[in-house]
């Protein structure tokens, strides 16, 4: 039966939040605030938070910094997943993925359909793994961030979630990399 295994201890995950926007500032980043509040309320550690412009190179550069940081286990981004000319977040994420997680985007759109109907087709939410770090690209609205966290990520980043979850796989994400020594 799916749910939380009360016999297991909760283990916090180290998370960074990236807002992709040409217009948002720390004072106006409601989507980033939504994610930060949920991450911390769930007991996880918010290690870093940044805002970068809708520019592929800037997004890739920030992702690479966080992927190389052994402290950061998960990156949550918000913004730039639409279909306009400036929306380049999925392309930036795909440039760094070692493995994609197509089911995340599929599930997000299916769940989002219940809230926003066919408008969900405009979302190119995606997820993948690189260098032992989970990467999640979410749409830029607070509602989309709430849906992604509350309906998917809250459970998948909780090691107590059964029958399985992303958190329990964290130690195995780098098994393909050469070991030092």
N, C-alpha and C. Protein backbone atom coordinates (compact mmCIF):
# COMPACT_ATOMS: atom_id res chain seq x y z
N UNK A 1 0.85 -1.18 0.00
CA UNK A 1 0.00 0.00 0.00
C UNK A 1 0.89 1.24 0.00
N UNK A 2 0.69 2.18 -0.94
CA UNK A 2 1.50 3.40 -0.96
C UNK A 2 1.28 4.24 0.29
N UNK A 3 2.30 4.97 0.67
CA UNK A 3 2.19 5.86 1.83
C UNK A 3 3.51 5.97 2.55
N UNK A 4 3.47 6.60 3.71
CA UNK A 4 4.65 6.83 4.52
C UNK A 4 4.87 5.65 5.47
N UNK A 5 6.08 5.12 5.47
CA UNK A 5 6.47 4.05 6.40
C UNK A 5 6.89 4.72 7.71
N UNK A 6 6.03 4.67 8.69
CA UNK A 6 6.28 5.34 9.98
C UNK A 6 7.43 4.72 10.76
N UNK A 7 7.87 3.52 10.37
CA UNK A 7 8.97 2.87 11.06
C UNK A 7 10.34 3.38 10.60
N UNK A 8 10.38 4.09 9.49
CA UNK A 8 11.63 4.64 8.98
C UNK A 8 11.80 6.08 9.45
N UNK A 9 13.04 6.48 9.74
CA UNK A 9 13.26 7.90 10.10
C UNK A 9 13.28 8.78 8.85
N UNK A 10 12.81 10.00 8.99
CA UNK A 10 12.87 10.98 7.92
C UNK A 10 14.32 11.42 7.73
N UNK A 11 14.75 11.55 6.49
CA UNK A 11 16.10 12.05 6.19
C UNK A 11 15.95 13.27 5.27
N UNK A 12 16.40 14.44 5.72
CA UNK A 12 16.27 15.62 4.88
C UNK A 12 17.17 15.54 3.65
N UNK A 13 16.70 16.14 2.56
CA UNK A 13 17.43 16.20 1.31
C UNK A 13 17.93 17.64 1.14
N UNK A 14 19.11 17.80 0.56
CA UNK A 14 19.69 19.13 0.31
C UNK A 14 19.24 19.64 -1.05
N UNK A 15 18.58 20.79 -1.06
CA UNK A 15 17.92 21.28 -2.27
C UNK A 15 18.38 22.70 -2.61
N UNK A 16 18.51 22.96 -3.91
CA UNK A 16 18.75 24.30 -4.44
C UNK A 16 17.57 24.67 -5.33
N UNK A 17 17.19 25.94 -5.31
CA UNK A 17 16.08 26.42 -6.12
C UNK A 17 16.59 27.46 -7.11
N UNK A 18 16.23 27.25 -8.37
CA UNK A 18 16.61 28.14 -9.46
C UNK A 18 15.35 28.72 -10.10
N UNK A 19 15.25 30.04 -10.11
CA UNK A 19 14.16 30.70 -10.82
C UNK A 19 14.72 31.21 -12.14
N UNK A 20 14.06 30.85 -13.22
CA UNK A 20 14.46 31.29 -14.56
C UNK A 20 13.48 32.37 -14.99
N UNK A 21 13.97 33.60 -15.11
CA UNK A 21 13.09 34.71 -15.45
C UNK A 21 13.89 35.93 -15.90
N UNK A 22 13.33 36.66 -16.84
CA UNK A 22 13.91 37.93 -17.26
C UNK A 22 13.39 39.09 -16.42
N UNK A 23 12.33 38.86 -15.65
CA UNK A 23 11.67 39.96 -14.95
C UNK A 23 11.60 39.81 -13.43
N UNK A 24 11.71 38.62 -12.91
CA UNK A 24 11.53 38.44 -11.46
C UNK A 24 12.78 38.84 -10.68
N UNK A 25 12.52 39.30 -9.48
CA UNK A 25 13.58 39.65 -8.53
C UNK A 25 13.32 38.85 -7.26
N UNK A 26 14.23 38.93 -6.31
CA UNK A 26 14.03 38.24 -5.03
C UNK A 26 12.72 38.69 -4.38
N UNK A 27 12.35 39.94 -4.57
CA UNK A 27 11.13 40.47 -3.96
C UNK A 27 9.85 40.04 -4.67
N UNK A 28 9.95 39.65 -5.95
CA UNK A 28 8.75 39.31 -6.72
C UNK A 28 8.69 37.85 -7.15
N UNK A 29 9.59 37.03 -6.64
CA UNK A 29 9.67 35.63 -7.05
C UNK A 29 8.71 34.76 -6.24
N UNK A 30 7.42 34.85 -6.56
CA UNK A 30 6.40 34.10 -5.82
C UNK A 30 6.54 32.58 -6.01
N UNK A 31 6.93 32.15 -7.20
CA UNK A 31 7.08 30.71 -7.45
C UNK A 31 8.26 30.15 -6.66
N UNK A 32 9.38 30.87 -6.67
CA UNK A 32 10.52 30.44 -5.86
C UNK A 32 10.18 30.43 -4.38
N UNK A 33 9.41 31.44 -3.94
CA UNK A 33 8.98 31.49 -2.53
C UNK A 33 8.10 30.28 -2.20
N UNK A 34 7.22 29.92 -3.12
CA UNK A 34 6.33 28.77 -2.91
C UNK A 34 7.15 27.50 -2.72
N UNK A 35 8.13 27.30 -3.58
CA UNK A 35 8.98 26.11 -3.46
C UNK A 35 9.80 26.14 -2.18
N UNK A 36 10.41 27.28 -1.86
CA UNK A 36 11.24 27.40 -0.66
C UNK A 36 10.43 27.09 0.59
N UNK A 37 9.22 27.63 0.66
CA UNK A 37 8.38 27.39 1.83
C UNK A 37 8.04 25.91 1.97
N UNK A 38 7.72 25.27 0.86
CA UNK A 38 7.34 23.86 0.91
C UNK A 38 8.54 22.97 1.23
N UNK A 39 9.67 23.26 0.64
CA UNK A 39 10.89 22.49 0.92
C UNK A 39 11.21 22.53 2.41
N UNK A 40 11.20 23.73 2.97
CA UNK A 40 11.56 23.87 4.39
C UNK A 40 10.48 23.32 5.32
N UNK A 41 9.21 23.51 4.96
CA UNK A 41 8.12 22.96 5.80
C UNK A 41 8.16 21.44 5.84
N UNK A 42 8.64 20.83 4.76
CA UNK A 42 8.73 19.37 4.72
C UNK A 42 9.93 18.85 5.51
N UNK A 43 10.80 19.76 5.95
CA UNK A 43 11.96 19.33 6.74
C UNK A 43 13.25 19.19 5.95
N UNK A 44 13.22 19.55 4.67
CA UNK A 44 14.43 19.47 3.85
C UNK A 44 15.28 20.72 4.05
N UNK A 45 16.51 20.68 3.55
CA UNK A 45 17.43 21.81 3.69
C UNK A 45 17.52 22.58 2.37
N UNK A 46 17.18 23.86 2.42
CA UNK A 46 17.34 24.74 1.27
C UNK A 46 18.74 25.34 1.36
N UNK A 47 19.65 24.85 0.50
CA UNK A 47 21.05 25.28 0.58
C UNK A 47 21.32 26.54 -0.23
N UNK A 48 20.69 26.67 -1.38
CA UNK A 48 20.94 27.83 -2.23
C UNK A 48 19.69 28.18 -3.02
N UNK A 49 19.66 29.45 -3.42
CA UNK A 49 18.56 29.93 -4.25
C UNK A 49 19.10 31.02 -5.16
N UNK A 50 18.79 30.92 -6.45
CA UNK A 50 19.29 31.88 -7.45
C UNK A 50 18.19 32.22 -8.45
N UNK A 51 18.36 33.38 -9.08
CA UNK A 51 17.53 33.78 -10.21
C UNK A 51 18.47 34.01 -11.39
N UNK A 52 18.17 33.38 -12.53
CA UNK A 52 18.95 33.61 -13.75
C UNK A 52 18.00 33.97 -14.89
N UNK A 53 18.54 34.67 -15.86
CA UNK A 53 17.74 35.07 -17.03
C UNK A 53 17.40 33.86 -17.89
N UNK A 54 16.39 34.04 -18.74
CA UNK A 54 15.98 33.01 -19.70
C UNK A 54 17.02 32.92 -20.81
N UNK A 55 18.19 32.44 -20.45
CA UNK A 55 19.27 32.27 -21.42
C UNK A 55 19.88 30.90 -21.19
N UNK A 56 19.89 30.11 -22.24
CA UNK A 56 20.34 28.71 -22.13
C UNK A 56 21.70 28.60 -21.44
N UNK A 57 22.67 29.40 -21.84
CA UNK A 57 24.02 29.31 -21.29
C UNK A 57 24.05 29.62 -19.79
N UNK A 58 23.25 30.62 -19.38
CA UNK A 58 23.20 30.98 -17.96
C UNK A 58 22.59 29.86 -17.13
N UNK A 59 21.55 29.25 -17.66
CA UNK A 59 20.90 28.14 -16.95
C UNK A 59 21.85 26.96 -16.85
N UNK A 60 22.47 26.58 -17.96
CA UNK A 60 23.41 25.46 -17.97
C UNK A 60 24.56 25.72 -17.00
N UNK A 61 25.09 26.92 -17.00
CA UNK A 61 26.22 27.25 -16.12
C UNK A 61 25.84 27.07 -14.65
N UNK A 62 24.65 27.56 -14.26
CA UNK A 62 24.22 27.40 -12.86
C UNK A 62 23.97 25.94 -12.53
N UNK A 63 23.35 25.21 -13.44
CA UNK A 63 23.13 23.78 -13.20
C UNK A 63 24.45 23.06 -13.00
N UNK A 64 25.43 23.33 -13.83
CA UNK A 64 26.74 22.66 -13.72
C UNK A 64 27.42 22.96 -12.38
N UNK A 65 27.29 24.19 -11.90
CA UNK A 65 27.85 24.54 -10.59
C UNK A 65 27.21 23.68 -9.50
N UNK A 66 25.90 23.58 -9.54
CA UNK A 66 25.21 22.81 -8.50
C UNK A 66 25.40 21.31 -8.66
N UNK A 67 25.48 20.82 -9.89
CA UNK A 67 25.74 19.40 -10.11
C UNK A 67 27.11 19.03 -9.56
N UNK A 68 28.08 19.92 -9.69
CA UNK A 68 29.45 19.66 -9.21
C UNK A 68 29.56 19.79 -7.69
N UNK A 69 28.59 20.39 -7.04
CA UNK A 69 28.61 20.60 -5.59
C UNK A 69 28.08 19.35 -4.91
N UNK A 70 28.92 18.61 -4.20
CA UNK A 70 28.46 17.35 -3.59
C UNK A 70 27.40 17.55 -2.51
N UNK A 71 27.24 18.76 -2.03
CA UNK A 71 26.22 19.01 -1.00
C UNK A 71 24.81 19.03 -1.59
N UNK A 72 24.67 19.41 -2.85
CA UNK A 72 23.35 19.59 -3.45
C UNK A 72 22.89 18.28 -4.09
N UNK A 73 21.76 17.79 -3.61
CA UNK A 73 21.21 16.53 -4.09
C UNK A 73 20.07 16.71 -5.08
N UNK A 74 19.38 17.85 -4.99
CA UNK A 74 18.21 18.12 -5.83
C UNK A 74 18.22 19.58 -6.24
N UNK A 75 17.92 19.82 -7.52
CA UNK A 75 17.70 21.18 -8.00
C UNK A 75 16.25 21.27 -8.48
N UNK A 76 15.54 22.25 -7.96
CA UNK A 76 14.18 22.55 -8.41
C UNK A 76 14.24 23.88 -9.14
N UNK A 77 13.81 23.90 -10.39
CA UNK A 77 13.76 25.18 -11.10
C UNK A 77 12.31 25.52 -11.39
N UNK A 78 12.06 26.81 -11.53
CA UNK A 78 10.73 27.29 -11.88
C UNK A 78 10.88 28.34 -12.97
N UNK A 79 10.10 28.18 -14.04
CA UNK A 79 10.10 29.16 -15.12
C UNK A 79 10.79 28.68 -16.37
N UNK A 80 10.37 29.25 -17.49
CA UNK A 80 11.02 29.00 -18.77
C UNK A 80 10.67 27.68 -19.42
N UNK A 81 9.56 27.04 -19.00
CA UNK A 81 9.21 25.73 -19.56
C UNK A 81 8.10 25.81 -20.61
N UNK A 82 7.70 27.03 -20.98
CA UNK A 82 6.63 27.19 -21.96
C UNK A 82 7.14 27.02 -23.39
N UNK A 83 6.40 27.58 -24.32
CA UNK A 83 6.72 27.38 -25.74
C UNK A 83 7.12 28.68 -26.46
N UNK A 84 7.28 29.77 -25.72
CA UNK A 84 7.66 31.01 -26.38
C UNK A 84 9.14 30.99 -26.75
N UNK A 85 9.54 31.97 -27.52
CA UNK A 85 10.93 32.04 -27.97
C UNK A 85 11.94 32.15 -26.85
N UNK A 86 11.57 32.76 -25.73
CA UNK A 86 12.49 32.92 -24.60
C UNK A 86 12.50 31.72 -23.66
N UNK A 87 11.58 30.80 -23.81
CA UNK A 87 11.49 29.63 -22.91
C UNK A 87 12.49 28.57 -23.34
N UNK A 88 13.63 28.51 -22.63
CA UNK A 88 14.70 27.59 -23.01
C UNK A 88 15.13 26.67 -21.87
N UNK A 89 14.38 26.67 -20.78
CA UNK A 89 14.77 25.83 -19.63
C UNK A 89 14.86 24.35 -19.99
N UNK A 90 13.88 23.75 -20.67
CA UNK A 90 14.01 22.32 -20.99
C UNK A 90 15.24 22.01 -21.83
N UNK A 91 15.57 22.88 -22.78
CA UNK A 91 16.75 22.65 -23.61
C UNK A 91 18.03 22.73 -22.77
N UNK A 92 18.07 23.67 -21.84
CA UNK A 92 19.23 23.79 -20.96
C UNK A 92 19.37 22.55 -20.07
N UNK A 93 18.27 22.09 -19.52
CA UNK A 93 18.31 20.90 -18.67
C UNK A 93 18.73 19.67 -19.48
N UNK A 94 18.17 19.52 -20.67
CA UNK A 94 18.52 18.37 -21.51
C UNK A 94 20.01 18.36 -21.86
N UNK A 95 20.62 19.53 -21.91
CA UNK A 95 22.06 19.62 -22.22
C UNK A 95 22.92 19.03 -21.11
N UNK A 96 22.39 18.95 -19.89
CA UNK A 96 23.19 18.41 -18.78
C UNK A 96 22.71 17.05 -18.28
N UNK A 97 21.50 16.63 -18.66
CA UNK A 97 21.01 15.32 -18.19
C UNK A 97 21.93 14.19 -18.62
N UNK A 98 22.22 13.28 -17.70
CA UNK A 98 22.81 11.98 -18.04
C UNK A 98 21.68 10.99 -18.33
N UNK A 99 20.61 11.13 -17.55
CA UNK A 99 19.41 10.31 -17.74
C UNK A 99 18.20 11.20 -17.55
N UNK A 100 17.23 11.06 -18.43
CA UNK A 100 16.00 11.80 -18.26
C UNK A 100 15.00 10.93 -17.49
N UNK A 101 14.04 11.59 -16.88
CA UNK A 101 12.96 10.90 -16.16
C UNK A 101 11.65 11.34 -16.81
N UNK A 102 11.31 10.75 -17.97
CA UNK A 102 10.15 11.23 -18.72
C UNK A 102 8.84 11.13 -17.95
N UNK A 103 8.73 10.17 -17.06
CA UNK A 103 7.49 10.00 -16.30
C UNK A 103 7.14 11.21 -15.45
N UNK A 104 8.15 11.99 -15.04
CA UNK A 104 7.85 13.17 -14.23
C UNK A 104 7.00 14.17 -15.00
N UNK A 105 7.45 14.54 -16.19
CA UNK A 105 6.69 15.49 -17.00
C UNK A 105 5.32 14.96 -17.37
N UNK A 106 5.27 13.67 -17.69
CA UNK A 106 3.98 13.06 -18.05
C UNK A 106 3.01 13.11 -16.87
N UNK A 107 3.49 12.73 -15.70
CA UNK A 107 2.64 12.74 -14.51
C UNK A 107 2.25 14.16 -14.13
N UNK A 108 3.20 15.10 -14.22
CA UNK A 108 2.89 16.48 -13.90
C UNK A 108 1.76 17.00 -14.79
N UNK A 109 1.86 16.77 -16.09
CA UNK A 109 0.82 17.26 -17.00
C UNK A 109 -0.52 16.58 -16.74
N UNK A 110 -0.50 15.30 -16.42
CA UNK A 110 -1.74 14.59 -16.13
C UNK A 110 -2.41 15.18 -14.88
N UNK A 111 -1.62 15.40 -13.83
CA UNK A 111 -2.17 15.98 -12.61
C UNK A 111 -2.61 17.42 -12.84
N UNK A 112 -1.83 18.18 -13.58
CA UNK A 112 -2.13 19.57 -13.86
C UNK A 112 -3.40 19.72 -14.69
N UNK A 113 -3.69 18.74 -15.52
CA UNK A 113 -4.91 18.77 -16.33
C UNK A 113 -6.15 18.92 -15.46
N UNK A 114 -6.11 18.32 -14.28
CA UNK A 114 -7.25 18.40 -13.37
C UNK A 114 -7.46 19.82 -12.85
N UNK A 115 -6.39 20.63 -12.86
CA UNK A 115 -6.46 22.00 -12.35
C UNK A 115 -6.67 23.02 -13.46
N UNK A 116 -5.91 22.89 -14.56
CA UNK A 116 -5.94 23.93 -15.60
C UNK A 116 -6.43 23.42 -16.95
N UNK A 117 -6.90 22.20 -17.00
CA UNK A 117 -7.46 21.66 -18.24
C UNK A 117 -6.41 21.52 -19.33
N UNK A 118 -6.85 21.75 -20.55
CA UNK A 118 -5.96 21.52 -21.69
C UNK A 118 -4.78 22.49 -21.75
N UNK A 119 -4.80 23.55 -20.97
CA UNK A 119 -3.66 24.47 -20.94
C UNK A 119 -2.38 23.77 -20.50
N UNK A 120 -2.51 22.63 -19.84
CA UNK A 120 -1.33 21.89 -19.39
C UNK A 120 -0.45 21.45 -20.55
N UNK A 121 -1.00 21.37 -21.74
CA UNK A 121 -0.23 20.94 -22.90
C UNK A 121 0.91 21.91 -23.20
N UNK A 122 0.81 23.15 -22.73
CA UNK A 122 1.85 24.15 -22.95
C UNK A 122 3.05 23.97 -22.04
N UNK A 123 2.95 23.12 -21.04
CA UNK A 123 4.05 22.91 -20.10
C UNK A 123 5.04 21.88 -20.64
N UNK A 124 6.30 22.23 -20.55
CA UNK A 124 7.36 21.28 -20.91
C UNK A 124 8.16 20.91 -19.67
N UNK A 125 7.44 20.74 -18.55
CA UNK A 125 8.09 20.31 -17.31
C UNK A 125 8.87 19.04 -17.58
N UNK A 126 10.06 18.94 -16.97
CA UNK A 126 10.88 17.75 -17.20
C UNK A 126 11.73 17.46 -15.97
N UNK A 127 12.37 16.30 -16.00
CA UNK A 127 13.25 15.91 -14.90
C UNK A 127 14.33 14.98 -15.44
N UNK A 128 15.42 14.94 -14.70
CA UNK A 128 16.52 14.05 -15.06
C UNK A 128 17.54 13.99 -13.94
N UNK A 129 18.62 13.31 -14.24
CA UNK A 129 19.71 13.13 -13.28
C UNK A 129 21.03 13.48 -13.96
N UNK A 130 21.91 14.13 -13.22
CA UNK A 130 23.27 14.41 -13.71
C UNK A 130 24.21 14.48 -12.52
N UNK A 131 25.31 13.76 -12.60
CA UNK A 131 26.32 13.81 -11.55
C UNK A 131 25.80 13.49 -10.17
N UNK A 132 24.81 12.62 -10.08
CA UNK A 132 24.25 12.25 -8.78
C UNK A 132 23.25 13.25 -8.23
N UNK A 133 22.81 14.21 -9.05
CA UNK A 133 21.87 15.25 -8.63
C UNK A 133 20.58 15.11 -9.43
N UNK A 134 19.45 15.13 -8.73
CA UNK A 134 18.16 15.18 -9.41
C UNK A 134 17.90 16.60 -9.87
N UNK A 135 17.36 16.75 -11.08
CA UNK A 135 17.05 18.05 -11.66
C UNK A 135 15.59 18.05 -12.09
N UNK A 136 14.82 19.03 -11.60
CA UNK A 136 13.41 19.13 -11.92
C UNK A 136 13.12 20.52 -12.47
N UNK A 137 12.60 20.61 -13.70
CA UNK A 137 12.23 21.87 -14.33
C UNK A 137 10.72 22.02 -14.28
N UNK A 138 10.26 22.99 -13.50
CA UNK A 138 8.84 23.22 -13.28
C UNK A 138 8.40 24.50 -13.96
N UNK A 139 7.12 24.61 -14.30
CA UNK A 139 6.61 25.87 -14.85
C UNK A 139 6.76 27.01 -13.85
N UNK A 140 6.59 28.24 -14.34
CA UNK A 140 6.85 29.42 -13.53
C UNK A 140 5.72 29.97 -12.70
N UNK A 141 4.59 29.29 -12.63
CA UNK A 141 3.49 29.81 -11.81
C UNK A 141 3.51 29.19 -10.41
N UNK A 142 3.10 29.95 -9.40
CA UNK A 142 3.01 29.37 -8.06
C UNK A 142 2.11 28.14 -8.01
N UNK A 143 1.01 28.15 -8.78
CA UNK A 143 0.11 26.99 -8.79
C UNK A 143 0.79 25.75 -9.32
N UNK A 144 1.57 25.89 -10.38
CA UNK A 144 2.30 24.74 -10.93
C UNK A 144 3.34 24.24 -9.94
N UNK A 145 4.00 25.15 -9.25
CA UNK A 145 4.99 24.74 -8.24
C UNK A 145 4.31 24.01 -7.09
N UNK A 146 3.16 24.50 -6.67
CA UNK A 146 2.39 23.81 -5.62
C UNK A 146 2.00 22.41 -6.07
N UNK A 147 1.46 22.31 -7.30
CA UNK A 147 1.04 20.99 -7.80
C UNK A 147 2.23 20.03 -7.87
N UNK A 148 3.34 20.48 -8.43
CA UNK A 148 4.51 19.61 -8.56
C UNK A 148 5.01 19.15 -7.20
N UNK A 149 5.10 20.07 -6.25
CA UNK A 149 5.60 19.70 -4.92
C UNK A 149 4.58 18.84 -4.18
N UNK A 150 3.36 19.34 -4.05
CA UNK A 150 2.37 18.68 -3.21
C UNK A 150 1.95 17.30 -3.75
N UNK A 151 1.92 17.16 -5.08
CA UNK A 151 1.38 15.94 -5.67
C UNK A 151 2.43 14.94 -6.15
N UNK A 152 3.70 15.38 -6.24
CA UNK A 152 4.74 14.47 -6.71
C UNK A 152 5.99 14.52 -5.82
N UNK A 153 6.62 15.68 -5.77
CA UNK A 153 7.95 15.78 -5.17
C UNK A 153 7.96 15.57 -3.65
N UNK A 154 6.96 16.04 -2.97
CA UNK A 154 6.91 15.87 -1.50
C UNK A 154 7.06 14.40 -1.14
N UNK A 155 6.37 13.54 -1.85
CA UNK A 155 6.45 12.11 -1.57
C UNK A 155 7.73 11.49 -2.12
N UNK A 156 8.10 11.84 -3.34
CA UNK A 156 9.26 11.20 -3.96
C UNK A 156 10.58 11.60 -3.32
N UNK A 157 10.63 12.73 -2.61
CA UNK A 157 11.85 13.14 -1.92
C UNK A 157 11.84 12.77 -0.44
N UNK A 158 10.84 12.01 -0.05
CA UNK A 158 10.73 11.51 1.33
C UNK A 158 11.13 10.04 1.34
N UNK A 159 12.23 9.74 2.00
CA UNK A 159 12.77 8.37 2.00
C UNK A 159 11.81 7.37 2.63
N UNK A 160 10.83 7.84 3.36
CA UNK A 160 9.86 6.94 4.00
C UNK A 160 8.73 6.53 3.06
N UNK A 161 8.62 7.17 1.90
CA UNK A 161 7.53 6.89 0.97
C UNK A 161 7.68 5.49 0.39
N UNK A 162 6.61 4.71 0.45
CA UNK A 162 6.65 3.38 -0.13
C UNK A 162 5.60 3.26 -1.21
N UNK A 163 5.80 2.44 -2.18
CA UNK A 163 6.76 1.35 -2.22
C UNK A 163 8.18 1.78 -2.62
N UNK A 164 8.36 2.95 -3.24
CA UNK A 164 9.71 3.39 -3.60
C UNK A 164 9.69 4.91 -3.77
N UNK A 165 10.89 5.50 -3.85
CA UNK A 165 10.99 6.96 -3.94
C UNK A 165 12.36 7.35 -4.50
N UNK A 166 12.46 8.59 -4.95
CA UNK A 166 13.74 9.10 -5.46
C UNK A 166 14.80 9.20 -4.37
N UNK A 167 14.39 9.57 -3.16
CA UNK A 167 15.35 9.80 -2.07
C UNK A 167 16.18 8.55 -1.76
N UNK A 168 15.55 7.39 -1.76
CA UNK A 168 16.29 6.17 -1.43
C UNK A 168 17.33 5.81 -2.49
N UNK A 169 17.16 6.35 -3.70
CA UNK A 169 18.09 6.06 -4.79
C UNK A 169 19.28 7.01 -4.84
N UNK A 170 19.25 8.08 -4.06
CA UNK A 170 20.34 9.05 -4.09
C UNK A 170 21.74 8.43 -4.00
N UNK A 171 21.99 7.50 -3.08
CA UNK A 171 23.34 6.92 -2.99
C UNK A 171 23.77 6.13 -4.23
N UNK A 172 22.80 5.75 -5.06
CA UNK A 172 23.11 4.92 -6.22
C UNK A 172 23.21 5.69 -7.53
N UNK A 173 22.95 6.98 -7.50
CA UNK A 173 22.92 7.75 -8.74
C UNK A 173 24.29 7.89 -9.40
N UNK A 174 25.35 7.67 -8.63
CA UNK A 174 26.70 7.82 -9.19
C UNK A 174 27.43 6.49 -9.36
N UNK A 175 26.72 5.38 -9.31
CA UNK A 175 27.40 4.08 -9.40
C UNK A 175 28.09 3.88 -10.75
N UNK A 176 27.70 4.60 -11.78
CA UNK A 176 28.32 4.47 -13.09
C UNK A 176 29.62 5.26 -13.22
N UNK A 177 29.87 6.15 -12.25
CA UNK A 177 31.07 6.98 -12.32
C UNK A 177 32.28 6.25 -11.75
N UNK A 178 33.48 6.52 -12.29
CA UNK A 178 34.69 5.88 -11.74
C UNK A 178 34.89 6.31 -10.29
N UNK A 179 35.32 5.37 -9.48
CA UNK A 179 35.58 5.66 -8.06
C UNK A 179 36.99 6.18 -7.89
N UNK A 180 37.13 7.16 -7.02
CA UNK A 180 38.46 7.72 -6.71
C UNK A 180 39.25 6.72 -5.88
N UNK A 181 40.54 6.73 -6.08
CA UNK A 181 41.41 5.93 -5.23
C UNK A 181 41.83 4.70 -5.87
